Structure formats: C-alpha cells, structure tokens
PDBML (XML) file of the C-alpha atoms, coordinates in Angstrom:
<?xml version="1.0" encoding="UTF-8" ?>
<PDBx:datablock datablockName="MODEL"
   xmlns:PDBx="http://pdbml.pdb.org/schema/pdbx-v50.xsd"
   xmlns:xsi="http://www.w3.org/2001/XMLSchema-instance"
   xsi:schemaLocation="http://pdbml.pdb.org/schema/pdbx-v50.xsd pdbx-v50.xsd">
   <PDBx:atom_siteCategory>
      <PDBx:atom_site id="1">
         <PDBx:B_iso_or_equiv>0.00</PDBx:B_iso_or_equiv>
         <PDBx:Cartn_x>96.629</PDBx:Cartn_x>
         <PDBx:Cartn_y>102.844</PDBx:Cartn_y>
         <PDBx:Cartn_z>104.300</PDBx:Cartn_z>
         <PDBx:auth_asym_id>A</PDBx:auth_asym_id>
         <PDBx:auth_atom_id>CA</PDBx:auth_atom_id>
         <PDBx:auth_comp_id>PHE</PDBx:auth_comp_id>
         <PDBx:auth_seq_id>1</PDBx:auth_seq_id>
         <PDBx:group_PDB>ATOM</PDBx:group_PDB>
         <PDBx:label_alt_id xsi:nil="true" />
         <PDBx:label_asym_id>A</PDBx:label_asym_id>
         <PDBx:label_atom_id>CA</PDBx:label_atom_id>
         <PDBx:label_comp_id>PHE</PDBx:label_comp_id>
         <PDBx:label_entity_id>1</PDBx:label_entity_id>
         <PDBx:label_seq_id>1</PDBx:label_seq_id>
         <PDBx:occupancy>1.00</PDBx:occupancy>
         <PDBx:pdbx_PDB_model_num>1</PDBx:pdbx_PDB_model_num>
         <PDBx:type_symbol>C</PDBx:type_symbol>
      </PDBx:atom_site>
      <PDBx:atom_site id="2">
         <PDBx:B_iso_or_equiv>0.00</PDBx:B_iso_or_equiv>
         <PDBx:Cartn_x>97.278</PDBx:Cartn_x>
         <PDBx:Cartn_y>106.579</PDBx:Cartn_y>
         <PDBx:Cartn_z>104.109</PDBx:Cartn_z>
         <PDBx:auth_asym_id>A</PDBx:auth_asym_id>
         <PDBx:auth_atom_id>CA</PDBx:auth_atom_id>
         <PDBx:auth_comp_id>THR</PDBx:auth_comp_id>
         <PDBx:auth_seq_id>2</PDBx:auth_seq_id>
         <PDBx:group_PDB>ATOM</PDBx:group_PDB>
         <PDBx:label_alt_id xsi:nil="true" />
         <PDBx:label_asym_id>A</PDBx:label_asym_id>
         <PDBx:label_atom_id>CA</PDBx:label_atom_id>
         <PDBx:label_comp_id>THR</PDBx:label_comp_id>
         <PDBx:label_entity_id>1</PDBx:label_entity_id>
         <PDBx:label_seq_id>2</PDBx:label_seq_id>
         <PDBx:occupancy>1.00</PDBx:occupancy>
         <PDBx:pdbx_PDB_model_num>1</PDBx:pdbx_PDB_model_num>
         <PDBx:type_symbol>C</PDBx:type_symbol>
      </PDBx:atom_site>
      <PDBx:atom_site id="3">
         <PDBx:B_iso_or_equiv>0.00</PDBx:B_iso_or_equiv>
         <PDBx:Cartn_x>96.222</PDBx:Cartn_x>
         <PDBx:Cartn_y>107.101</PDBx:Cartn_y>
         <PDBx:Cartn_z>107.745</PDBx:Cartn_z>
         <PDBx:auth_asym_id>A</PDBx:auth_asym_id>
         <PDBx:auth_atom_id>CA</PDBx:auth_atom_id>
         <PDBx:auth_comp_id>THR</PDBx:auth_comp_id>
         <PDBx:auth_seq_id>3</PDBx:auth_seq_id>
         <PDBx:group_PDB>ATOM</PDBx:group_PDB>
         <PDBx:label_alt_id xsi:nil="true" />
         <PDBx:label_asym_id>A</PDBx:label_asym_id>
         <PDBx:label_atom_id>CA</PDBx:label_atom_id>
         <PDBx:label_comp_id>THR</PDBx:label_comp_id>
         <PDBx:label_entity_id>1</PDBx:label_entity_id>
         <PDBx:label_seq_id>3</PDBx:label_seq_id>
         <PDBx:occupancy>1.00</PDBx:occupancy>
         <PDBx:pdbx_PDB_model_num>1</PDBx:pdbx_PDB_model_num>
         <PDBx:type_symbol>C</PDBx:type_symbol>
      </PDBx:atom_site>
      <PDBx:atom_site id="4">
         <PDBx:B_iso_or_equiv>0.00</PDBx:B_iso_or_equiv>
         <PDBx:Cartn_x>98.849</PDBx:Cartn_x>
         <PDBx:Cartn_y>104.017</PDBx:Cartn_y>
         <PDBx:Cartn_z>108.596</PDBx:Cartn_z>
         <PDBx:auth_asym_id>A</PDBx:auth_asym_id>
         <PDBx:auth_atom_id>CA</PDBx:auth_atom_id>
         <PDBx:auth_comp_id>ASP</PDBx:auth_comp_id>
         <PDBx:auth_seq_id>4</PDBx:auth_seq_id>
         <PDBx:group_PDB>ATOM</PDBx:group_PDB>
         <PDBx:label_alt_id xsi:nil="true" />
         <PDBx:label_asym_id>A</PDBx:label_asym_id>
         <PDBx:label_atom_id>CA</PDBx:label_atom_id>
         <PDBx:label_comp_id>ASP</PDBx:label_comp_id>
         <PDBx:label_entity_id>1</PDBx:label_entity_id>
         <PDBx:label_seq_id>4</PDBx:label_seq_id>
         <PDBx:occupancy>1.00</PDBx:occupancy>
         <PDBx:pdbx_PDB_model_num>1</PDBx:pdbx_PDB_model_num>
         <PDBx:type_symbol>C</PDBx:type_symbol>
      </PDBx:atom_site>
      <PDBx:atom_site id="5">
         <PDBx:B_iso_or_equiv>0.00</PDBx:B_iso_or_equiv>
         <PDBx:Cartn_x>101.466</PDBx:Cartn_x>
         <PDBx:Cartn_y>105.869</PDBx:Cartn_y>
         <PDBx:Cartn_z>106.807</PDBx:Cartn_z>
         <PDBx:auth_asym_id>A</PDBx:auth_asym_id>
         <PDBx:auth_atom_id>CA</PDBx:auth_atom_id>
         <PDBx:auth_comp_id>VAL</PDBx:auth_comp_id>
         <PDBx:auth_seq_id>5</PDBx:auth_seq_id>
         <PDBx:group_PDB>ATOM</PDBx:group_PDB>
         <PDBx:label_alt_id xsi:nil="true" />
         <PDBx:label_asym_id>A</PDBx:label_asym_id>
         <PDBx:label_atom_id>CA</PDBx:label_atom_id>
         <PDBx:label_comp_id>VAL</PDBx:label_comp_id>
         <PDBx:label_entity_id>1</PDBx:label_entity_id>
         <PDBx:label_seq_id>5</PDBx:label_seq_id>
         <PDBx:occupancy>1.00</PDBx:occupancy>
         <PDBx:pdbx_PDB_model_num>1</PDBx:pdbx_PDB_model_num>
         <PDBx:type_symbol>C</PDBx:type_symbol>
      </PDBx:atom_site>
      <PDBx:atom_site id="6">
         <PDBx:B_iso_or_equiv>0.00</PDBx:B_iso_or_equiv>
         <PDBx:Cartn_x>101.352</PDBx:Cartn_x>
         <PDBx:Cartn_y>109.047</PDBx:Cartn_y>
         <PDBx:Cartn_z>108.407</PDBx:Cartn_z>
         <PDBx:auth_asym_id>A</PDBx:auth_asym_id>
         <PDBx:auth_atom_id>CA</PDBx:auth_atom_id>
         <PDBx:auth_comp_id>LEU</PDBx:auth_comp_id>
         <PDBx:auth_seq_id>6</PDBx:auth_seq_id>
         <PDBx:group_PDB>ATOM</PDBx:group_PDB>
         <PDBx:label_alt_id xsi:nil="true" />
         <PDBx:label_asym_id>A</PDBx:label_asym_id>
         <PDBx:label_atom_id>CA</PDBx:label_atom_id>
         <PDBx:label_comp_id>LEU</PDBx:label_comp_id>
         <PDBx:label_entity_id>1</PDBx:label_entity_id>
         <PDBx:label_seq_id>6</PDBx:label_seq_id>
         <PDBx:occupancy>1.00</PDBx:occupancy>
         <PDBx:pdbx_PDB_model_num>1</PDBx:pdbx_PDB_model_num>
         <PDBx:type_symbol>C</PDBx:type_symbol>
      </PDBx:atom_site>
      <PDBx:atom_site id="7">
         <PDBx:B_iso_or_equiv>0.00</PDBx:B_iso_or_equiv>
         <PDBx:Cartn_x>101.137</PDBx:Cartn_x>
         <PDBx:Cartn_y>107.523</PDBx:Cartn_y>
         <PDBx:Cartn_z>111.972</PDBx:Cartn_z>
         <PDBx:auth_asym_id>A</PDBx:auth_asym_id>
         <PDBx:auth_atom_id>CA</PDBx:auth_atom_id>
         <PDBx:auth_comp_id>ALA</PDBx:auth_comp_id>
         <PDBx:auth_seq_id>7</PDBx:auth_seq_id>
         <PDBx:group_PDB>ATOM</PDBx:group_PDB>
         <PDBx:label_alt_id xsi:nil="true" />
         <PDBx:label_asym_id>A</PDBx:label_asym_id>
         <PDBx:label_atom_id>CA</PDBx:label_atom_id>
         <PDBx:label_comp_id>ALA</PDBx:label_comp_id>
         <PDBx:label_entity_id>1</PDBx:label_entity_id>
         <PDBx:label_seq_id>7</PDBx:label_seq_id>
         <PDBx:occupancy>1.00</PDBx:occupancy>
         <PDBx:pdbx_PDB_model_num>1</PDBx:pdbx_PDB_model_num>
         <PDBx:type_symbol>C</PDBx:type_symbol>
      </PDBx:atom_site>
      <PDBx:atom_site id="8">
         <PDBx:B_iso_or_equiv>0.00</PDBx:B_iso_or_equiv>
         <PDBx:Cartn_x>104.260</PDBx:Cartn_x>
         <PDBx:Cartn_y>105.602</PDBx:Cartn_y>
         <PDBx:Cartn_z>110.849</PDBx:Cartn_z>
         <PDBx:auth_asym_id>A</PDBx:auth_asym_id>
         <PDBx:auth_atom_id>CA</PDBx:auth_atom_id>
         <PDBx:auth_comp_id>LEU</PDBx:auth_comp_id>
         <PDBx:auth_seq_id>8</PDBx:auth_seq_id>
         <PDBx:group_PDB>ATOM</PDBx:group_PDB>
         <PDBx:label_alt_id xsi:nil="true" />
         <PDBx:label_asym_id>A</PDBx:label_asym_id>
         <PDBx:label_atom_id>CA</PDBx:label_atom_id>
         <PDBx:label_comp_id>LEU</PDBx:label_comp_id>
         <PDBx:label_entity_id>1</PDBx:label_entity_id>
         <PDBx:label_seq_id>8</PDBx:label_seq_id>
         <PDBx:occupancy>1.00</PDBx:occupancy>
         <PDBx:pdbx_PDB_model_num>1</PDBx:pdbx_PDB_model_num>
         <PDBx:type_symbol>C</PDBx:type_symbol>
      </PDBx:atom_site>
      <PDBx:atom_site id="9">
         <PDBx:B_iso_or_equiv>0.00</PDBx:B_iso_or_equiv>
         <PDBx:Cartn_x>105.962</PDBx:Cartn_x>
         <PDBx:Cartn_y>109.103</PDBx:Cartn_y>
         <PDBx:Cartn_z>109.511</PDBx:Cartn_z>
         <PDBx:auth_asym_id>A</PDBx:auth_asym_id>
         <PDBx:auth_atom_id>CA</PDBx:auth_atom_id>
         <PDBx:auth_comp_id>TYR</PDBx:auth_comp_id>
         <PDBx:auth_seq_id>9</PDBx:auth_seq_id>
         <PDBx:group_PDB>ATOM</PDBx:group_PDB>
         <PDBx:label_alt_id xsi:nil="true" />
         <PDBx:label_asym_id>A</PDBx:label_asym_id>
         <PDBx:label_atom_id>CA</PDBx:label_atom_id>
         <PDBx:label_comp_id>TYR</PDBx:label_comp_id>
         <PDBx:label_entity_id>1</PDBx:label_entity_id>
         <PDBx:label_seq_id>9</PDBx:label_seq_id>
         <PDBx:occupancy>1.00</PDBx:occupancy>
         <PDBx:pdbx_PDB_model_num>1</PDBx:pdbx_PDB_model_num>
         <PDBx:type_symbol>C</PDBx:type_symbol>
      </PDBx:atom_site>
      <PDBx:atom_site id="10">
         <PDBx:B_iso_or_equiv>0.00</PDBx:B_iso_or_equiv>
         <PDBx:Cartn_x>105.016</PDBx:Cartn_x>
         <PDBx:Cartn_y>110.776</PDBx:Cartn_y>
         <PDBx:Cartn_z>113.062</PDBx:Cartn_z>
         <PDBx:auth_asym_id>A</PDBx:auth_asym_id>
         <PDBx:auth_atom_id>CA</PDBx:auth_atom_id>
         <PDBx:auth_comp_id>ASP</PDBx:auth_comp_id>
         <PDBx:auth_seq_id>10</PDBx:auth_seq_id>
         <PDBx:group_PDB>ATOM</PDBx:group_PDB>
         <PDBx:label_alt_id xsi:nil="true" />
         <PDBx:label_asym_id>A</PDBx:label_asym_id>
         <PDBx:label_atom_id>CA</PDBx:label_atom_id>
         <PDBx:label_comp_id>ASP</PDBx:label_comp_id>
         <PDBx:label_entity_id>1</PDBx:label_entity_id>
         <PDBx:label_seq_id>10</PDBx:label_seq_id>
         <PDBx:occupancy>1.00</PDBx:occupancy>
         <PDBx:pdbx_PDB_model_num>1</PDBx:pdbx_PDB_model_num>
         <PDBx:type_symbol>C</PDBx:type_symbol>
      </PDBx:atom_site>
      <PDBx:atom_site id="11">
         <PDBx:B_iso_or_equiv>0.00</PDBx:B_iso_or_equiv>
         <PDBx:Cartn_x>106.740</PDBx:Cartn_x>
         <PDBx:Cartn_y>107.817</PDBx:Cartn_y>
         <PDBx:Cartn_z>114.666</PDBx:Cartn_z>
         <PDBx:auth_asym_id>A</PDBx:auth_asym_id>
         <PDBx:auth_atom_id>CA</PDBx:auth_atom_id>
         <PDBx:auth_comp_id>TRP</PDBx:auth_comp_id>
         <PDBx:auth_seq_id>11</PDBx:auth_seq_id>
         <PDBx:group_PDB>ATOM</PDBx:group_PDB>
         <PDBx:label_alt_id xsi:nil="true" />
         <PDBx:label_asym_id>A</PDBx:label_asym_id>
         <PDBx:label_atom_id>CA</PDBx:label_atom_id>
         <PDBx:label_comp_id>TRP</PDBx:label_comp_id>
         <PDBx:label_entity_id>1</PDBx:label_entity_id>
         <PDBx:label_seq_id>11</PDBx:label_seq_id>
         <PDBx:occupancy>1.00</PDBx:occupancy>
         <PDBx:pdbx_PDB_model_num>1</PDBx:pdbx_PDB_model_num>
         <PDBx:type_symbol>C</PDBx:type_symbol>
      </PDBx:atom_site>
      <PDBx:atom_site id="12">
         <PDBx:B_iso_or_equiv>0.00</PDBx:B_iso_or_equiv>
         <PDBx:Cartn_x>109.878</PDBx:Cartn_x>
         <PDBx:Cartn_y>108.006</PDBx:Cartn_y>
         <PDBx:Cartn_z>112.558</PDBx:Cartn_z>
         <PDBx:auth_asym_id>A</PDBx:auth_asym_id>
         <PDBx:auth_atom_id>CA</PDBx:auth_atom_id>
         <PDBx:auth_comp_id>ALA</PDBx:auth_comp_id>
         <PDBx:auth_seq_id>12</PDBx:auth_seq_id>
         <PDBx:group_PDB>ATOM</PDBx:group_PDB>
         <PDBx:label_alt_id xsi:nil="true" />
         <PDBx:label_asym_id>A</PDBx:label_asym_id>
         <PDBx:label_atom_id>CA</PDBx:label_atom_id>
         <PDBx:label_comp_id>ALA</PDBx:label_comp_id>
         <PDBx:label_entity_id>1</PDBx:label_entity_id>
         <PDBx:label_seq_id>12</PDBx:label_seq_id>
         <PDBx:occupancy>1.00</PDBx:occupancy>
         <PDBx:pdbx_PDB_model_num>1</PDBx:pdbx_PDB_model_num>
         <PDBx:type_symbol>C</PDBx:type_symbol>
      </PDBx:atom_site>
      <PDBx:atom_site id="13">
         <PDBx:B_iso_or_equiv>0.00</PDBx:B_iso_or_equiv>
         <PDBx:Cartn_x>109.991</PDBx:Cartn_x>
         <PDBx:Cartn_y>111.657</PDBx:Cartn_y>
         <PDBx:Cartn_z>112.687</PDBx:Cartn_z>
         <PDBx:auth_asym_id>A</PDBx:auth_asym_id>
         <PDBx:auth_atom_id>CA</PDBx:auth_atom_id>
         <PDBx:auth_comp_id>LYS</PDBx:auth_comp_id>
         <PDBx:auth_seq_id>13</PDBx:auth_seq_id>
         <PDBx:group_PDB>ATOM</PDBx:group_PDB>
         <PDBx:label_alt_id xsi:nil="true" />
         <PDBx:label_asym_id>A</PDBx:label_asym_id>
         <PDBx:label_atom_id>CA</PDBx:label_atom_id>
         <PDBx:label_comp_id>LYS</PDBx:label_comp_id>
         <PDBx:label_entity_id>1</PDBx:label_entity_id>
         <PDBx:label_seq_id>13</PDBx:label_seq_id>
         <PDBx:occupancy>1.00</PDBx:occupancy>
         <PDBx:pdbx_PDB_model_num>1</PDBx:pdbx_PDB_model_num>
         <PDBx:type_symbol>C</PDBx:type_symbol>
      </PDBx:atom_site>
      <PDBx:atom_site id="14">
         <PDBx:B_iso_or_equiv>0.00</PDBx:B_iso_or_equiv>
         <PDBx:Cartn_x>109.938</PDBx:Cartn_x>
         <PDBx:Cartn_y>112.097</PDBx:Cartn_y>
         <PDBx:Cartn_z>116.592</PDBx:Cartn_z>
         <PDBx:auth_asym_id>A</PDBx:auth_asym_id>
         <PDBx:auth_atom_id>CA</PDBx:auth_atom_id>
         <PDBx:auth_comp_id>ALA</PDBx:auth_comp_id>
         <PDBx:auth_seq_id>14</PDBx:auth_seq_id>
         <PDBx:group_PDB>ATOM</PDBx:group_PDB>
         <PDBx:label_alt_id xsi:nil="true" />
         <PDBx:label_asym_id>A</PDBx:label_asym_id>
         <PDBx:label_atom_id>CA</PDBx:label_atom_id>
         <PDBx:label_comp_id>ALA</PDBx:label_comp_id>
         <PDBx:label_entity_id>1</PDBx:label_entity_id>
         <PDBx:label_seq_id>14</PDBx:label_seq_id>
         <PDBx:occupancy>1.00</PDBx:occupancy>
         <PDBx:pdbx_PDB_model_num>1</PDBx:pdbx_PDB_model_num>
         <PDBx:type_symbol>C</PDBx:type_symbol>
      </PDBx:atom_site>
      <PDBx:atom_site id="15">
         <PDBx:B_iso_or_equiv>0.00</PDBx:B_iso_or_equiv>
         <PDBx:Cartn_x>112.832</PDBx:Cartn_x>
         <PDBx:Cartn_y>109.667</PDBx:Cartn_y>
         <PDBx:Cartn_z>116.509</PDBx:Cartn_z>
         <PDBx:auth_asym_id>A</PDBx:auth_asym_id>
         <PDBx:auth_atom_id>CA</PDBx:auth_atom_id>
         <PDBx:auth_comp_id>ARG</PDBx:auth_comp_id>
         <PDBx:auth_seq_id>15</PDBx:auth_seq_id>
         <PDBx:group_PDB>ATOM</PDBx:group_PDB>
         <PDBx:label_alt_id xsi:nil="true" />
         <PDBx:label_asym_id>A</PDBx:label_asym_id>
         <PDBx:label_atom_id>CA</PDBx:label_atom_id>
         <PDBx:label_comp_id>ARG</PDBx:label_comp_id>
         <PDBx:label_entity_id>1</PDBx:label_entity_id>
         <PDBx:label_seq_id>15</PDBx:label_seq_id>
         <PDBx:occupancy>1.00</PDBx:occupancy>
         <PDBx:pdbx_PDB_model_num>1</PDBx:pdbx_PDB_model_num>
         <PDBx:type_symbol>C</PDBx:type_symbol>
      </PDBx:atom_site>
      <PDBx:atom_site id="16">
         <PDBx:B_iso_or_equiv>0.00</PDBx:B_iso_or_equiv>
         <PDBx:Cartn_x>114.769</PDBx:Cartn_x>
         <PDBx:Cartn_y>110.463</PDBx:Cartn_y>
         <PDBx:Cartn_z>113.471</PDBx:Cartn_z>
         <PDBx:auth_asym_id>A</PDBx:auth_asym_id>
         <PDBx:auth_atom_id>CA</PDBx:auth_atom_id>
         <PDBx:auth_comp_id>SER</PDBx:auth_comp_id>
         <PDBx:auth_seq_id>16</PDBx:auth_seq_id>
         <PDBx:group_PDB>ATOM</PDBx:group_PDB>
         <PDBx:label_alt_id xsi:nil="true" />
         <PDBx:label_asym_id>A</PDBx:label_asym_id>
         <PDBx:label_atom_id>CA</PDBx:label_atom_id>
         <PDBx:label_comp_id>SER</PDBx:label_comp_id>
         <PDBx:label_entity_id>1</PDBx:label_entity_id>
         <PDBx:label_seq_id>16</PDBx:label_seq_id>
         <PDBx:occupancy>1.00</PDBx:occupancy>
         <PDBx:pdbx_PDB_model_num>1</PDBx:pdbx_PDB_model_num>
         <PDBx:type_symbol>C</PDBx:type_symbol>
      </PDBx:atom_site>
      <PDBx:atom_site id="17">
         <PDBx:B_iso_or_equiv>0.00</PDBx:B_iso_or_equiv>
         <PDBx:Cartn_x>116.509</PDBx:Cartn_x>
         <PDBx:Cartn_y>113.761</PDBx:Cartn_y>
         <PDBx:Cartn_z>114.885</PDBx:Cartn_z>
         <PDBx:auth_asym_id>A</PDBx:auth_asym_id>
         <PDBx:auth_atom_id>CA</PDBx:auth_atom_id>
         <PDBx:auth_comp_id>GLY</PDBx:auth_comp_id>
         <PDBx:auth_seq_id>17</PDBx:auth_seq_id>
         <PDBx:group_PDB>ATOM</PDBx:group_PDB>
         <PDBx:label_alt_id xsi:nil="true" />
         <PDBx:label_asym_id>A</PDBx:label_asym_id>
         <PDBx:label_atom_id>CA</PDBx:label_atom_id>
         <PDBx:label_comp_id>GLY</PDBx:label_comp_id>
         <PDBx:label_entity_id>1</PDBx:label_entity_id>
         <PDBx:label_seq_id>17</PDBx:label_seq_id>
         <PDBx:occupancy>1.00</PDBx:occupancy>
         <PDBx:pdbx_PDB_model_num>1</PDBx:pdbx_PDB_model_num>
         <PDBx:type_symbol>C</PDBx:type_symbol>
      </PDBx:atom_site>
      <PDBx:atom_site id="18">
         <PDBx:B_iso_or_equiv>0.00</PDBx:B_iso_or_equiv>
         <PDBx:Cartn_x>117.703</PDBx:Cartn_x>
         <PDBx:Cartn_y>115.894</PDBx:Cartn_y>
         <PDBx:Cartn_z>112.113</PDBx:Cartn_z>
         <PDBx:auth_asym_id>A</PDBx:auth_asym_id>
         <PDBx:auth_atom_id>CA</PDBx:auth_atom_id>
         <PDBx:auth_comp_id>ASN</PDBx:auth_comp_id>
         <PDBx:auth_seq_id>18</PDBx:auth_seq_id>
         <PDBx:group_PDB>ATOM</PDBx:group_PDB>
         <PDBx:label_alt_id xsi:nil="true" />
         <PDBx:label_asym_id>A</PDBx:label_asym_id>
         <PDBx:label_atom_id>CA</PDBx:label_atom_id>
         <PDBx:label_comp_id>ASN</PDBx:label_comp_id>
         <PDBx:label_entity_id>1</PDBx:label_entity_id>
         <PDBx:label_seq_id>18</PDBx:label_seq_id>
         <PDBx:occupancy>1.00</PDBx:occupancy>
         <PDBx:pdbx_PDB_model_num>1</PDBx:pdbx_PDB_model_num>
         <PDBx:type_symbol>C</PDBx:type_symbol>
      </PDBx:atom_site>
      <PDBx:atom_site id="19">
         <PDBx:B_iso_or_equiv>0.00</PDBx:B_iso_or_equiv>
         <PDBx:Cartn_x>117.679</PDBx:Cartn_x>
         <PDBx:Cartn_y>112.724</PDBx:Cartn_y>
         <PDBx:Cartn_z>109.723</PDBx:Cartn_z>
         <PDBx:auth_asym_id>A</PDBx:auth_asym_id>
         <PDBx:auth_atom_id>CA</PDBx:auth_atom_id>
         <PDBx:auth_comp_id>SER</PDBx:auth_comp_id>
         <PDBx:auth_seq_id>19</PDBx:auth_seq_id>
         <PDBx:group_PDB>ATOM</PDBx:group_PDB>
         <PDBx:label_alt_id xsi:nil="true" />
         <PDBx:label_asym_id>A</PDBx:label_asym_id>
         <PDBx:label_atom_id>CA</PDBx:label_atom_id>
         <PDBx:label_comp_id>SER</PDBx:label_comp_id>
         <PDBx:label_entity_id>1</PDBx:label_entity_id>
         <PDBx:label_seq_id>19</PDBx:label_seq_id>
         <PDBx:occupancy>1.00</PDBx:occupancy>
         <PDBx:pdbx_PDB_model_num>1</PDBx:pdbx_PDB_model_num>
         <PDBx:type_symbol>C</PDBx:type_symbol>
      </PDBx:atom_site>
      <PDBx:atom_site id="20">
         <PDBx:B_iso_or_equiv>0.00</PDBx:B_iso_or_equiv>
         <PDBx:Cartn_x>116.107</PDBx:Cartn_x>
         <PDBx:Cartn_y>112.454</PDBx:Cartn_y>
         <PDBx:Cartn_z>106.151</PDBx:Cartn_z>
         <PDBx:auth_asym_id>A</PDBx:auth_asym_id>
         <PDBx:auth_atom_id>CA</PDBx:auth_atom_id>
         <PDBx:auth_comp_id>SER</PDBx:auth_comp_id>
         <PDBx:auth_seq_id>20</PDBx:auth_seq_id>
         <PDBx:group_PDB>ATOM</PDBx:group_PDB>
         <PDBx:label_alt_id xsi:nil="true" />
         <PDBx:label_asym_id>A</PDBx:label_asym_id>
         <PDBx:label_atom_id>CA</PDBx:label_atom_id>
         <PDBx:label_comp_id>SER</PDBx:label_comp_id>
         <PDBx:label_entity_id>1</PDBx:label_entity_id>
         <PDBx:label_seq_id>20</PDBx:label_seq_id>
         <PDBx:occupancy>1.00</PDBx:occupancy>
         <PDBx:pdbx_PDB_model_num>1</PDBx:pdbx_PDB_model_num>
         <PDBx:type_symbol>C</PDBx:type_symbol>
      </PDBx:atom_site>
      <PDBx:atom_site id="21">
         <PDBx:B_iso_or_equiv>0.00</PDBx:B_iso_or_equiv>
         <PDBx:Cartn_x>112.629</PDBx:Cartn_x>
         <PDBx:Cartn_y>110.782</PDBx:Cartn_y>
         <PDBx:Cartn_z>106.272</PDBx:Cartn_z>
         <PDBx:auth_asym_id>A</PDBx:auth_asym_id>
         <PDBx:auth_atom_id>CA</PDBx:auth_atom_id>
         <PDBx:auth_comp_id>ILE</PDBx:auth_comp_id>
         <PDBx:auth_seq_id>21</PDBx:auth_seq_id>
         <PDBx:group_PDB>ATOM</PDBx:group_PDB>
         <PDBx:label_alt_id xsi:nil="true" />
         <PDBx:label_asym_id>A</PDBx:label_asym_id>
         <PDBx:label_atom_id>CA</PDBx:label_atom_id>
         <PDBx:label_comp_id>ILE</PDBx:label_comp_id>
         <PDBx:label_entity_id>1</PDBx:label_entity_id>
         <PDBx:label_seq_id>21</PDBx:label_seq_id>
         <PDBx:occupancy>1.00</PDBx:occupancy>
         <PDBx:pdbx_PDB_model_num>1</PDBx:pdbx_PDB_model_num>
         <PDBx:type_symbol>C</PDBx:type_symbol>
      </PDBx:atom_site>
      <PDBx:atom_site id="22">
         <PDBx:B_iso_or_equiv>0.00</PDBx:B_iso_or_equiv>
         <PDBx:Cartn_x>111.675</PDBx:Cartn_x>
         <PDBx:Cartn_y>109.840</PDBx:Cartn_y>
         <PDBx:Cartn_z>102.718</PDBx:Cartn_z>
         <PDBx:auth_asym_id>A</PDBx:auth_asym_id>
         <PDBx:auth_atom_id>CA</PDBx:auth_atom_id>
         <PDBx:auth_comp_id>LEU</PDBx:auth_comp_id>
         <PDBx:auth_seq_id>22</PDBx:auth_seq_id>
         <PDBx:group_PDB>ATOM</PDBx:group_PDB>
         <PDBx:label_alt_id xsi:nil="true" />
         <PDBx:label_asym_id>A</PDBx:label_asym_id>
         <PDBx:label_atom_id>CA</PDBx:label_atom_id>
         <PDBx:label_comp_id>LEU</PDBx:label_comp_id>
         <PDBx:label_entity_id>1</PDBx:label_entity_id>
         <PDBx:label_seq_id>22</PDBx:label_seq_id>
         <PDBx:occupancy>1.00</PDBx:occupancy>
         <PDBx:pdbx_PDB_model_num>1</PDBx:pdbx_PDB_model_num>
         <PDBx:type_symbol>C</PDBx:type_symbol>
      </PDBx:atom_site>
      <PDBx:atom_site id="23">
         <PDBx:B_iso_or_equiv>0.00</PDBx:B_iso_or_equiv>
         <PDBx:Cartn_x>108.494</PDBx:Cartn_x>
         <PDBx:Cartn_y>107.599</PDBx:Cartn_y>
         <PDBx:Cartn_z>101.313</PDBx:Cartn_z>
         <PDBx:auth_asym_id>A</PDBx:auth_asym_id>
         <PDBx:auth_atom_id>CA</PDBx:auth_atom_id>
         <PDBx:auth_comp_id>PHE</PDBx:auth_comp_id>
         <PDBx:auth_seq_id>23</PDBx:auth_seq_id>
         <PDBx:group_PDB>ATOM</PDBx:group_PDB>
         <PDBx:label_alt_id xsi:nil="true" />
         <PDBx:label_asym_id>A</PDBx:label_asym_id>
         <PDBx:label_atom_id>CA</PDBx:label_atom_id>
         <PDBx:label_comp_id>PHE</PDBx:label_comp_id>
         <PDBx:label_entity_id>1</PDBx:label_entity_id>
         <PDBx:label_seq_id>23</PDBx:label_seq_id>
         <PDBx:occupancy>1.00</PDBx:occupancy>
         <PDBx:pdbx_PDB_model_num>1</PDBx:pdbx_PDB_model_num>
         <PDBx:type_symbol>C</PDBx:type_symbol>
      </PDBx:atom_site>
      <PDBx:atom_site id="24">
         <PDBx:B_iso_or_equiv>0.00</PDBx:B_iso_or_equiv>
         <PDBx:Cartn_x>109.049</PDBx:Cartn_x>
         <PDBx:Cartn_y>104.907</PDBx:Cartn_y>
         <PDBx:Cartn_z>99.109</PDBx:Cartn_z>
         <PDBx:auth_asym_id>A</PDBx:auth_asym_id>
         <PDBx:auth_atom_id>CA</PDBx:auth_atom_id>
         <PDBx:auth_comp_id>TRP</PDBx:auth_comp_id>
         <PDBx:auth_seq_id>24</PDBx:auth_seq_id>
         <PDBx:group_PDB>ATOM</PDBx:group_PDB>
         <PDBx:label_alt_id xsi:nil="true" />
         <PDBx:label_asym_id>A</PDBx:label_asym_id>
         <PDBx:label_atom_id>CA</PDBx:label_atom_id>
         <PDBx:label_comp_id>TRP</PDBx:label_comp_id>
         <PDBx:label_entity_id>1</PDBx:label_entity_id>
         <PDBx:label_seq_id>24</PDBx:label_seq_id>
         <PDBx:occupancy>1.00</PDBx:occupancy>
         <PDBx:pdbx_PDB_model_num>1</PDBx:pdbx_PDB_model_num>
         <PDBx:type_symbol>C</PDBx:type_symbol>
      </PDBx:atom_site>
      <PDBx:atom_site id="25">
         <PDBx:B_iso_or_equiv>0.00</PDBx:B_iso_or_equiv>
         <PDBx:Cartn_x>106.369</PDBx:Cartn_x>
         <PDBx:Cartn_y>102.889</PDBx:Cartn_y>
         <PDBx:Cartn_z>97.505</PDBx:Cartn_z>
         <PDBx:auth_asym_id>A</PDBx:auth_asym_id>
         <PDBx:auth_atom_id>CA</PDBx:auth_atom_id>
         <PDBx:auth_comp_id>GLY</PDBx:auth_comp_id>
         <PDBx:auth_seq_id>25</PDBx:auth_seq_id>
         <PDBx:group_PDB>ATOM</PDBx:group_PDB>
         <PDBx:label_alt_id xsi:nil="true" />
         <PDBx:label_asym_id>A</PDBx:label_asym_id>
         <PDBx:label_atom_id>CA</PDBx:label_atom_id>
         <PDBx:label_comp_id>GLY</PDBx:label_comp_id>
         <PDBx:label_entity_id>1</PDBx:label_entity_id>
         <PDBx:label_seq_id>25</PDBx:label_seq_id>
         <PDBx:occupancy>1.00</PDBx:occupancy>
         <PDBx:pdbx_PDB_model_num>1</PDBx:pdbx_PDB_model_num>
         <PDBx:type_symbol>C</PDBx:type_symbol>
      </PDBx:atom_site>
   </PDBx:atom_siteCategory>
</PDBx:datablock>
C-alpha cells in the first residue's frame, strides 16, 4: 500500500507544477 501511494505521489508531483499535494486517508 505504501509503495503504491508513493508511486502515485511521484506521478502527481511530476504533473502538478507548484500545486500542493496532500495525503488524505
């Protein structure tokens, strides 16, 4: 699960520019 979330974070960060990214569980 943790590895999947980090992969998703990397994907979102690469496409988000300067937008904030937060984890919501």
